[in-house]
Amino acid sequence: MLEAQEQKWSRLSLVAVMLVLTAMGFAPSAAQAAQCEPTDKIDGSTVDTARQKIEKGGYRQVRGLKKGCDNFWHGTAVKDGKTVNIVLSPQGIVMVEGD
């Protein structure tokens, strides 16, 4: 019973933090946090770092990068004149999504 109440308060606290972040203009981060489970270990990688790694992989016009709860970055980019959906793994491997 006590554990269930603690989980309830933990969730309410998360919602309160998300509301504050949204009010401060951080809605994309709050939206991501809402999808993640409390047990997910989110690393400290940033969109700028992800973009640099993807560009080092030979891609240009990297857009729409979003980080999943599994620390994989998803977006689109252009390589060899073709726009493709790309994924950057936490280990720094750039892949075409679906391969």
PDB file of N, CA and C in Angstrom:
ATOM      1  N   MET A   1       0.827  -1.190   0.000  1.00  0.00           N
ATOM      2  CA  MET A   1       0.000   0.000   0.000  1.00  0.00           C
ATOM      3  C   MET A   1       0.870   1.251   0.000  1.00  0.00           C
ATOM      4  N   LEU A   2       1.872   1.284   0.869  1.00  0.00           N
ATOM      5  CA  LEU A   2       2.755   2.428   0.961  1.00  0.00           C
ATOM      6  C   LEU A   2       3.527   2.619  -0.336  1.00  0.00           C
ATOM      7  N   GLU A   3       3.967   1.511  -0.924  1.00  0.00           N
ATOM      8  CA  GLU A   3       4.704   1.580  -2.193  1.00  0.00           C
ATOM      9  C   GLU A   3       3.821   2.153  -3.304  1.00  0.00           C
ATOM     10  N   ALA A   4       2.561   1.774  -3.344  1.00  0.00           N
ATOM     11  CA  ALA A   4       1.634   2.288  -4.351  1.00  0.00           C
ATOM     12  C   ALA A   4       1.441   3.792  -4.185  1.00  0.00           C
ATOM     13  N   GLN A   5       1.361   4.254  -2.946  1.00  0.00           N
ATOM     14  CA  GLN A   5       1.221   5.689  -2.703  1.00  0.00           C
ATOM     15  C   GLN A   5       2.479   6.439  -3.132  1.00  0.00           C
ATOM     16  N   GLU A   6       3.644   5.855  -2.877  1.00  0.00           N
ATOM     17  CA  GLU A   6       4.894   6.486  -3.287  1.00  0.00           C
ATOM     18  C   GLU A   6       4.968   6.600  -4.807  1.00  0.00           C
ATOM     19  N   GLN A   7       4.533   5.557  -5.515  1.00  0.00           N
ATOM     20  CA  GLN A   7       4.519   5.594  -6.976  1.00  0.00           C
ATOM     21  C   GLN A   7       3.563   6.669  -7.479  1.00  0.00           C
ATOM     22  N   LYS A   8       2.409   6.778  -6.824  1.00  0.00           N
ATOM     23  CA  LYS A   8       1.425   7.789  -7.206  1.00  0.00           C
ATOM     24  C   LYS A   8       2.025   9.179  -7.053  1.00  0.00           C
ATOM     25  N   TRP A   9       2.694   9.443  -5.925  1.00  0.00           N
ATOM     26  CA  TRP A   9       3.296  10.755  -5.691  1.00  0.00           C
ATOM     27  C   TRP A   9       4.450  11.003  -6.654  1.00  0.00           C
ATOM     28  N   SER A  10       5.170   9.956  -6.977  1.00  0.00           N
ATOM     29  CA  SER A  10       6.268  10.084  -7.934  1.00  0.00           C
ATOM     30  C   SER A  10       5.725  10.501  -9.300  1.00  0.00           C
ATOM     31  N   ARG A  11       4.647   9.873  -9.720  1.00  0.00           N
ATOM     32  CA  ARG A  11       4.025  10.228 -11.009  1.00  0.00           C
ATOM     33  C   ARG A  11       3.475  11.645 -10.980  1.00  0.00           C
ATOM     34  N   LEU A  12       2.837  12.013  -9.878  1.00  0.00           N
ATOM     35  CA  LEU A  12       2.311  13.371  -9.757  1.00  0.00           C
ATOM     36  C   LEU A  12       3.441  14.394  -9.789  1.00  0.00           C
ATOM     37  N   SER A  13       4.556  14.066  -9.159  1.00  0.00           N
ATOM     38  CA  SER A  13       5.718  14.959  -9.185  1.00  0.00           C
ATOM     39  C   SER A  13       6.241  15.118 -10.609  1.00  0.00           C
ATOM     40  N   LEU A  14       6.293  14.010 -11.355  1.00  0.00           N
ATOM     41  CA  LEU A  14       6.739  14.054 -12.744  1.00  0.00           C
ATOM     42  C   LEU A  14       5.819  14.948 -13.577  1.00  0.00           C
ATOM     43  N   VAL A  15       4.527  14.813 -13.377  1.00  0.00           N
ATOM     44  CA  VAL A  15       3.563  15.647 -14.103  1.00  0.00           C
ATOM     45  C   VAL A  15       3.774  17.116 -13.750  1.00  0.00           C
ATOM     46  N   ALA A  16       3.990  17.417 -12.489  1.00  0.00           N
ATOM     47  CA  ALA A  16       4.217  18.801 -12.066  1.00  0.00           C
ATOM     48  C   ALA A  16       5.474  19.362 -12.719  1.00  0.00           C
ATOM     49  N   VAL A  17       6.536  18.573 -12.755  1.00  0.00           N
ATOM     50  CA  VAL A  17       7.778  19.024 -13.392  1.00  0.00           C
ATOM     51  C   VAL A  17       7.547  19.259 -14.881  1.00  0.00           C
ATOM     52  N   MET A  18       6.824  18.355 -15.524  1.00  0.00           N
ATOM     53  CA  MET A  18       6.542  18.523 -16.958  1.00  0.00           C
ATOM     54  C   MET A  18       5.751  19.792 -17.215  1.00  0.00           C
ATOM     55  N   LEU A  19       4.790  20.098 -16.356  1.00  0.00           N
ATOM     56  CA  LEU A  19       4.006  21.321 -16.516  1.00  0.00           C
ATOM     57  C   LEU A  19       4.885  22.560 -16.378  1.00  0.00           C
ATOM     58  N   VAL A  20       5.790  22.542 -15.423  1.00  0.00           N
ATOM     59  CA  VAL A  20       6.705  23.671 -15.249  1.00  0.00           C
ATOM     60  C   VAL A  20       7.606  23.807 -16.467  1.00  0.00           C
ATOM     61  N   LEU A  21       8.158  22.691 -16.954  1.00  0.00           N
ATOM     62  CA  LEU A  21       9.023  22.739 -18.133  1.00  0.00           C
ATOM     63  C   LEU A  21       8.268  23.240 -19.355  1.00  0.00           C
ATOM     64  N   THR A  22       7.038  22.810 -19.516  1.00  0.00           N
ATOM     65  CA  THR A  22       6.222  23.277 -20.638  1.00  0.00           C
ATOM     66  C   THR A  22       5.996  24.781 -20.538  1.00  0.00           C
ATOM     67  N   ALA A  23       5.699  25.259 -19.348  1.00  0.00           N
ATOM     68  CA  ALA A  23       5.483  26.693 -19.150  1.00  0.00           C
ATOM     69  C   ALA A  23       6.750  27.488 -19.433  1.00  0.00           C
ATOM     70  N   MET A  24       7.906  26.857 -19.238  1.00  0.00           N
ATOM     71  CA  MET A  24       9.173  27.532 -19.485  1.00  0.00           C
ATOM     72  C   MET A  24       9.618  27.403 -20.939  1.00  0.00           C
ATOM     73  N   GLY A  25       8.834  26.708 -21.764  1.00  0.00           N
ATOM     74  CA  GLY A  25       9.172  26.570 -23.171  1.00  0.00           C
ATOM     75  C   GLY A  25       9.969  25.328 -23.514  1.00  0.00           C
ATOM     76  N   PHE A  26       9.970  24.339 -22.650  1.00  0.00           N
ATOM     77  CA  PHE A  26      10.694  23.106 -22.900  1.00  0.00           C
ATOM     78  C   PHE A  26       9.737  21.960 -23.207  1.00  0.00           C
ATOM     79  N   ALA A  27       8.714  22.211 -23.975  1.00  0.00           N
ATOM     80  CA  ALA A  27       7.699  21.198 -24.250  1.00  0.00           C
ATOM     81  C   ALA A  27       8.242  19.934 -24.910  1.00  0.00           C
ATOM     82  N   PRO A  28       9.171  19.999 -25.907  1.00  0.00           N
ATOM     83  CA  PRO A  28       9.645  18.746 -26.506  1.00  0.00           C
ATOM     84  C   PRO A  28      10.302  17.815 -25.490  1.00  0.00           C
ATOM     85  N   SER A  29      11.099  18.345 -24.582  1.00  0.00           N
ATOM     86  CA  SER A  29      11.741  17.508 -23.578  1.00  0.00           C
ATOM     87  C   SER A  29      10.708  16.908 -22.638  1.00  0.00           C
ATOM     88  N   ALA A  30       9.731  17.687 -22.268  1.00  0.00           N
ATOM     89  CA  ALA A  30       8.697  17.190 -21.377  1.00  0.00           C
ATOM     90  C   ALA A  30       7.892  16.100 -22.062  1.00  0.00           C
ATOM     91  N   ALA A  31       7.618  16.252 -23.358  1.00  0.00           N
ATOM     92  CA  ALA A  31       6.869  15.237 -24.089  1.00  0.00           C
ATOM     93  C   ALA A  31       7.648  13.931 -24.129  1.00  0.00           C
ATOM     94  N   GLN A  32       8.958  14.022 -24.330  1.00  0.00           N
ATOM     95  CA  GLN A  32       9.774  12.813 -24.344  1.00  0.00           C
ATOM     96  C   GLN A  32       9.739  12.148 -22.981  1.00  0.00           C
ATOM     97  N   ALA A  33       9.883  12.916 -21.935  1.00  0.00           N
ATOM     98  CA  ALA A  33       9.904  12.369 -20.584  1.00  0.00           C
ATOM     99  C   ALA A  33       8.601  11.644 -20.263  1.00  0.00           C
ATOM    100  N   ALA A  34       7.486  12.115 -20.810  1.00  0.00           N
ATOM    101  CA  ALA A  34       6.195  11.499 -20.545  1.00  0.00           C
ATOM    102  C   ALA A  34       6.127  10.091 -21.129  1.00  0.00           C
ATOM    103  N   GLN A  35       6.888   9.823 -22.203  1.00  0.00           N
ATOM    104  CA  GLN A  35       6.853   8.524 -22.852  1.00  0.00           C
ATOM    105  C   GLN A  35       7.807   7.531 -22.201  1.00  0.00           C
ATOM    106  N   CYS A  36       8.792   8.015 -21.497  1.00  0.00           N
ATOM    107  CA  CYS A  36       9.808   7.149 -20.895  1.00  0.00           C
ATOM    108  C   CYS A  36       9.331   6.588 -19.561  1.00  0.00           C
ATOM    109  N   GLU A  37       9.844   5.426 -19.252  1.00  0.00           N
ATOM    110  CA  GLU A  37       9.545   4.783 -17.977  1.00  0.00           C
ATOM    111  C   GLU A  37      10.555   5.254 -16.933  1.00  0.00           C
ATOM    112  N   PRO A  38      10.194   5.249 -15.677  1.00  0.00           N
ATOM    113  CA  PRO A  38      11.136   5.663 -14.631  1.00  0.00           C
ATOM    114  C   PRO A  38      12.417   4.826 -14.607  1.00  0.00           C
ATOM    115  N   THR A  39      12.351   3.601 -15.116  1.00  0.00           N
ATOM    116  CA  THR A  39      13.528   2.731 -15.121  1.00  0.00           C
ATOM    117  C   THR A  39      14.453   2.988 -16.310  1.00  0.00           C
ATOM    118  N   ASP A  40      14.007   3.789 -17.296  1.00  0.00           N
ATOM    119  CA  ASP A  40      14.847   4.100 -18.458  1.00  0.00           C
ATOM    120  C   ASP A  40      16.021   4.965 -18.018  1.00  0.00           C
ATOM    121  N   LYS A  41      17.207   4.611 -18.458  1.00  0.00           N
ATOM    122  CA  LYS A  41      18.419   5.364 -18.136  1.00  0.00           C
ATOM    123  C   LYS A  41      18.744   6.272 -19.323  1.00  0.00           C
ATOM    124  N   ILE A  42      18.393   7.530 -19.217  1.00  0.00           N
ATOM    125  CA  ILE A  42      18.611   8.492 -20.291  1.00  0.00           C
ATOM    126  C   ILE A  42      20.016   9.061 -20.154  1.00  0.00           C
ATOM    127  N   ASP A  43      20.804   8.942 -21.225  1.00  0.00           N
ATOM    128  CA  ASP A  43      22.167   9.460 -21.169  1.00  0.00           C
ATOM    129  C   ASP A  43      22.184  10.966 -21.428  1.00  0.00           C
ATOM    130  N   GLY A  44      23.343  11.563 -21.352  1.00  0.00           N
ATOM    131  CA  GLY A  44      23.470  13.012 -21.475  1.00  0.00           C
ATOM    132  C   GLY A  44      23.766  13.510 -22.874  1.00  0.00           C
ATOM    133  N   SER A  45      23.567  12.665 -23.888  1.00  0.00           N
ATOM    134  CA  SER A  45      23.861  13.110 -25.257  1.00  0.00           C
ATOM    135  C   SER A  45      22.907  14.235 -25.659  1.00  0.00           C
ATOM    136  N   THR A  46      23.436  15.137 -26.515  1.00  0.00           N
ATOM    137  CA  THR A  46      22.649  16.294 -26.946  1.00  0.00           C
ATOM    138  C   THR A  46      22.384  16.233 -28.439  1.00  0.00           C
ATOM    139  N   VAL A  47      21.442  17.029 -28.875  1.00  0.00           N
ATOM    140  CA  VAL A  47      21.110  17.082 -30.302  1.00  0.00           C
ATOM    141  C   VAL A  47      22.313  17.571 -31.110  1.00  0.00           C
ATOM    142  N   ASP A  48      23.083  18.498 -30.566  1.00  0.00           N
ATOM    143  CA  ASP A  48      24.261  18.995 -31.283  1.00  0.00           C
ATOM    144  C   ASP A  48      25.309  17.903 -31.467  1.00  0.00           C
ATOM    145  N   THR A  49      25.560  17.132 -30.425  1.00  0.00           N
ATOM    146  CA  THR A  49      26.511  16.031 -30.508  1.00  0.00           C
ATOM    147  C   THR A  49      26.026  14.979 -31.504  1.00  0.00           C
ATOM    148  N   ALA A  50      24.741  14.656 -31.450  1.00  0.00           N
ATOM    149  CA  ALA A  50      24.170  13.673 -32.375  1.00  0.00           C
ATOM    150  C   ALA A  50      24.316  14.158 -33.814  1.00  0.00           C
ATOM    151  N   ARG A  51      24.013  15.420 -34.063  1.00  0.00           N
ATOM    152  CA  ARG A  51      24.114  15.992 -35.413  1.00  0.00           C
ATOM    153  C   ARG A  51      25.563  15.889 -35.923  1.00  0.00           C
ATOM    154  N   GLN A  52      26.519  16.209 -35.074  1.00  0.00           N
ATOM    155  CA  GLN A  52      27.934  16.142 -35.468  1.00  0.00           C
ATOM    156  C   GLN A  52      28.334  14.718 -35.846  1.00  0.00           C
ATOM    157  N   LYS A  53      27.910  13.747 -35.071  1.00  0.00           N
ATOM    158  CA  LYS A  53      28.255  12.349 -35.359  1.00  0.00           C
ATOM    159  C   LYS A  53      27.618  11.892 -36.668  1.00  0.00           C
ATOM    160  N   ILE A  54      26.389  12.307 -36.906  1.00  0.00           N
ATOM    161  CA  ILE A  54      25.695  11.929 -38.139  1.00  0.00           C
ATOM    162  C   ILE A  54      26.381  12.578 -39.340  1.00  0.00           C
ATOM    163  N   GLU A  55      26.762  13.840 -39.205  1.00  0.00           N
ATOM    164  CA  GLU A  55      27.456  14.523 -40.287  1.00  0.00           C
ATOM    165  C   GLU A  55      28.822  13.895 -40.558  1.00  0.00           C
ATOM    166  N   LYS A  56      29.517  13.446 -39.523  1.00  0.00           N
ATOM    167  CA  LYS A  56      30.791  12.738 -39.712  1.00  0.00           C
ATOM    168  C   LYS A  56      30.582  11.439 -40.478  1.00  0.00           C
ATOM    169  N   GLY A  57      29.389  10.892 -40.417  1.00  0.00           N
ATOM    170  CA  GLY A  57      29.048   9.673 -41.152  1.00  0.00           C
ATOM    171  C   GLY A  57      28.719   9.937 -42.609  1.00  0.00           C
ATOM    172  N   GLY A  58      28.869  11.187 -43.050  1.00  0.00           N
ATOM    173  CA  GLY A  58      28.654  11.507 -44.460  1.00  0.00           C
ATOM    174  C   GLY A  58      27.277  12.038 -44.804  1.00  0.00           C
ATOM    175  N   TYR A  59      26.480  12.360 -43.820  1.00  0.00           N
ATOM    176  CA  TYR A  59      25.130  12.866 -44.050  1.00  0.00           C
ATOM    177  C   TYR A  59      25.108  14.381 -43.942  1.00  0.00           C
ATOM    178  N   ARG A  60      24.214  14.999 -44.687  1.00  0.00           N
ATOM    179  CA  ARG A  60      24.018  16.454 -44.659  1.00  0.00           C
ATOM    180  C   ARG A  60      22.540  16.751 -44.419  1.00  0.00           C
ATOM    181  N   GLN A  61      22.254  18.004 -44.153  1.00  0.00           N
ATOM    182  CA  GLN A  61      20.873  18.464 -43.927  1.00  0.00           C
ATOM    183  C   GLN A  61      20.164  17.575 -42.894  1.00  0.00           C
ATOM    184  N   VAL A  62      20.821  17.373 -41.781  1.00  0.00           N
ATOM    185  CA  VAL A  62      20.269  16.558 -40.689  1.00  0.00           C
ATOM    186  C   VAL A  62      19.139  17.343 -40.033  1.00  0.00           C
ATOM    187  N   ARG A  63      17.972  16.723 -39.957  1.00  0.00           N
ATOM    188  CA  ARG A  63      16.793  17.430 -39.433  1.00  0.00           C
ATOM    189  C   ARG A  63      15.943  16.524 -38.552  1.00  0.00           C
ATOM    190  N   GLY A  64      15.145  17.190 -37.725  1.00  0.00           N
ATOM    191  CA  GLY A  64      14.118  16.512 -36.937  1.00  0.00           C
ATOM    192  C   GLY A  64      14.647  15.491 -35.946  1.00  0.00           C
ATOM    193  N   LEU A  65      15.825  15.730 -35.396  1.00  0.00           N
ATOM    194  CA  LEU A  65      16.389  14.750 -34.464  1.00  0.00           C
ATOM    195  C   LEU A  65      15.584  14.698 -33.171  1.00  0.00           C
ATOM    196  N   LYS A  66      15.209  13.483 -32.807  1.00  0.00           N
ATOM    197  CA  LYS A  66      14.485  13.253 -31.555  1.00  0.00           C
ATOM    198  C   LYS A  66      15.122  12.034 -30.894  1.00  0.00           C
ATOM    199  N   LYS A  67      15.280  12.148 -29.594  1.00  0.00           N
ATOM    200  CA  LYS A  67      15.923  11.089 -28.827  1.00  0.00           C
ATOM    201  C   LYS A  67      14.869  10.198 -28.189  1.00  0.00           C
ATOM    202  N   GLY A  68      15.032   8.904 -28.363  1.00  0.00           N
ATOM    203  CA  GLY A  68      14.127   7.949 -27.753  1.00  0.00           C
ATOM    204  C   GLY A  68      14.570   7.583 -26.344  1.00  0.00           C
ATOM    205  N   CYS A  69      13.699   6.922 -25.624  1.00  0.00           N
ATOM    206  CA  CYS A  69      13.996   6.491 -24.257  1.00  0.00           C
ATOM    207  C   CYS A  69      15.145   5.489 -24.215  1.00  0.00           C
ATOM    208  N   ASP A  70      15.447   4.894 -25.378  1.00  0.00           N
ATOM    209  CA  ASP A  70      16.543   3.935 -25.473  1.00  0.00           C
ATOM    210  C   ASP A  70      17.860   4.612 -25.857  1.00  0.00           C
ATOM    211  N   ASN A  71      17.867   5.965 -25.893  1.00  0.00           N
ATOM    212  CA  ASN A  71      19.037   6.783 -26.211  1.00  0.00           C
ATOM    213  C   ASN A  71      19.434   6.729 -27.678  1.00  0.00           C
ATOM    214  N   PHE A  72      18.593   6.198 -28.547  1.00  0.00           N
ATOM    215  CA  PHE A  72      18.817   6.248 -29.984  1.00  0.00           C
ATOM    216  C   PHE A  72      18.222   7.555 -30.511  1.00  0.00           C
ATOM    217  N   TRP A  73      18.962   8.235 -31.389  1.00  0.00           N
ATOM    218  CA  TRP A  73      18.483   9.464 -32.017  1.00  0.00           C
ATOM    219  C   TRP A  73      17.891   9.116 -33.372  1.00  0.00           C
ATOM    220  N   HIS A  74      16.722   9.669 -33.690  1.00  0.00           N
ATOM    221  CA  HIS A  74      16.028   9.424 -34.958  1.00  0.00           C
ATOM    222  C   HIS A  74      15.822  10.753 -35.668  1.00  0.00           C
ATOM    223  N   GLY A  75      15.952  10.742 -36.986  1.00  0.00           N
ATOM    224  CA  GLY A  75      15.725  11.955 -37.762  1.00  0.00           C
ATOM    225  C   GLY A  75      15.817  11.659 -39.242  1.00  0.00           C
ATOM    226  N   THR A  76      15.966  12.706 -40.026  1.00  0.00           N
ATOM    227  CA  THR A  76      16.160  12.563 -41.465  1.00  0.00           C
ATOM    228  C   THR A  76      17.438  13.278 -41.855  1.00  0.00           C
ATOM    229  N   ALA A  77      18.012  12.829 -42.967  1.00  0.00           N
ATOM    230  CA  ALA A  77      19.237  13.438 -43.476  1.00  0.00           C
ATOM    231  C   ALA A  77      19.365  13.099 -44.954  1.00  0.00           C
ATOM    232  N   VAL A  78      20.289  13.787 -45.610  1.00  0.00           N
ATOM    233  CA  VAL A  78      20.522  13.564 -47.032  1.00  0.00           C
ATOM    234  C   VAL A  78      21.909  12.964 -47.217  1.00  0.00           C
ATOM    235  N   LYS A  79      21.966  11.900 -48.031  1.00  0.00           N
ATOM    236  CA  LYS A  79      23.245  11.294 -48.415  1.00  0.00           C
ATOM    237  C   LYS A  79      23.119  10.824 -49.847  1.00  0.00           C
ATOM    238  N   ASP A  80      24.109  11.167 -50.639  1.00  0.00           N
ATOM    239  CA  ASP A  80      24.113  10.813 -52.067  1.00  0.00           C
ATOM    240  C   ASP A  80      22.857  11.318 -52.767  1.00  0.00           C
ATOM    241  N   GLY A  81      22.389  12.507 -52.367  1.00  0.00           N
ATOM    242  CA  GLY A  81      21.238  13.129 -53.001  1.00  0.00           C
ATOM    243  C   GLY A  81      19.891  12.566 -52.593  1.00  0.00           C
ATOM    244  N   LYS A  82      19.868  11.605 -51.680  1.00  0.00           N
ATOM    245  CA  LYS A  82      18.608  10.997 -51.245  1.00  0.00           C
ATOM    246  C   LYS A  82      18.339  11.335 -49.789  1.00  0.00           C
ATOM    247  N   THR A  83      17.093  11.688 -49.500  1.00  0.00           N
ATOM    248  CA  THR A  83      16.672  11.915 -48.115  1.00  0.00           C
ATOM    249  C   THR A  83      16.289  10.568 -47.519  1.00  0.00           C
ATOM    250  N   VAL A  84      16.865  10.272 -46.347  1.00  0.00           N
ATOM    251  CA  VAL A  84      16.601   8.993 -45.689  1.00  0.00           C
ATOM    252  C   VAL A  84      16.300   9.225 -44.216  1.00  0.00           C
ATOM    253  N   ASN A  85      15.607   8.271 -43.619  1.00  0.00           N
ATOM    254  CA  ASN A  85      15.403   8.260 -42.168  1.00  0.00           C
ATOM    255  C   ASN A  85      16.645   7.622 -41.564  1.00  0.00           C
ATOM    256  N   ILE A  86      17.230   8.296 -40.589  1.00  0.00           N
ATOM    257  CA  ILE A  86      18.460   7.810 -39.987  1.00  0.00           C
ATOM    258  C   ILE A  86      18.277   7.567 -38.497  1.00  0.00           C
ATOM    259  N   VAL A  87      19.168   6.719 -37.966  1.00  0.00           N
ATOM    260  CA  VAL A  87      19.195   6.409 -36.541  1.00  0.00           C
ATOM    261  C   VAL A  87      20.650   6.472 -36.101  1.00  0.00           C
ATOM    262  N   LEU A  88      20.889   7.119 -34.969  1.00  0.00           N
ATOM    263  CA  LEU A  88      22.209   7.136 -34.352  1.00  0.00           C
ATOM    264  C   LEU A  88      22.126   6.339 -33.058  1.00  0.00           C
ATOM    265  N   SER A  89      22.925   5.282 -32.975  1.00  0.00           N
ATOM    266  CA  SER A  89      22.904   4.445 -31.765  1.00  0.00           C
ATOM    267  C   SER A  89      23.670   5.131 -30.643  1.00  0.00           C
ATOM    268  N   PRO A  90      23.457   4.704 -29.407  1.00  0.00           N
ATOM    269  CA  PRO A  90      24.216   5.276 -28.279  1.00  0.00           C
ATOM    270  C   PRO A  90      25.723   5.048 -28.426  1.00  0.00           C
ATOM    271  N   GLN A  91      26.116   4.053 -29.227  1.00  0.00           N
ATOM    272  CA  GLN A  91      27.523   3.784 -29.447  1.00  0.00           C
ATOM    273  C   GLN A  91      28.115   4.630 -30.569  1.00  0.00           C
ATOM    274  N   GLY A  92      27.276   5.471 -31.215  1.00  0.00           N
ATOM    275  CA  GLY A  92      27.763   6.371 -32.263  1.00  0.00           C
ATOM    276  C   GLY A  92      27.678   5.803 -33.665  1.00  0.00           C
ATOM    277  N   ILE A  93      26.955   4.719 -33.851  1.00  0.00           N
ATOM    278  CA  ILE A  93      26.809   4.104 -35.175  1.00  0.00           C
ATOM    279  C   ILE A  93      25.613   4.736 -35.878  1.00  0.00           C
ATOM    280  N   VAL A  94      25.846   5.244 -37.104  1.00  0.00           N
ATOM    281  CA  VAL A  94      24.784   5.856 -37.903  1.00  0.00           C
ATOM    282  C   VAL A  94      24.241   4.804 -38.856  1.00  0.00           C
ATOM    283  N   MET A  95      22.910   4.643 -38.859  1.00  0.00           N
ATOM    284  CA  MET A  95      22.274   3.642 -39.705  1.00  0.00           C
ATOM    285  C   MET A  95      21.067   4.250 -40.411  1.00  0.00           C
ATOM    286  N   VAL A  96      20.754   3.710 -41.586  1.00  0.00           N
ATOM    287  CA  VAL A  96      19.508   4.068 -42.248  1.00  0.00           C
ATOM    288  C   VAL A  96      18.418   3.270 -41.559  1.00  0.00           C
ATOM    289  N   GLU A  97      17.366   3.951 -41.147  1.00  0.00           N
ATOM    290  CA  GLU A  97      16.301   3.273 -40.416  1.00  0.00           C
ATOM    291  C   GLU A  97      15.652   2.214 -41.304  1.00  0.00           C
ATOM    292  N   GLY A  98      15.469   1.043 -40.730  1.00  0.00           N
ATOM    293  CA  GLY A  98      14.862  -0.054 -41.459  1.00  0.00           C
ATOM    294  C   GLY A  98      15.870  -1.033 -42.005  1.00  0.00           C
ATOM    295  N   ASP A  99      17.149  -0.671 -41.995  1.00  0.00           N
ATOM    296  CA  ASP A  99      18.180  -1.613 -42.481  1.00  0.00           C
ATOM    297  C   ASP A  99      18.502  -2.643 -41.432  1.00  0.00           C
TER     298      ASP A  99
END
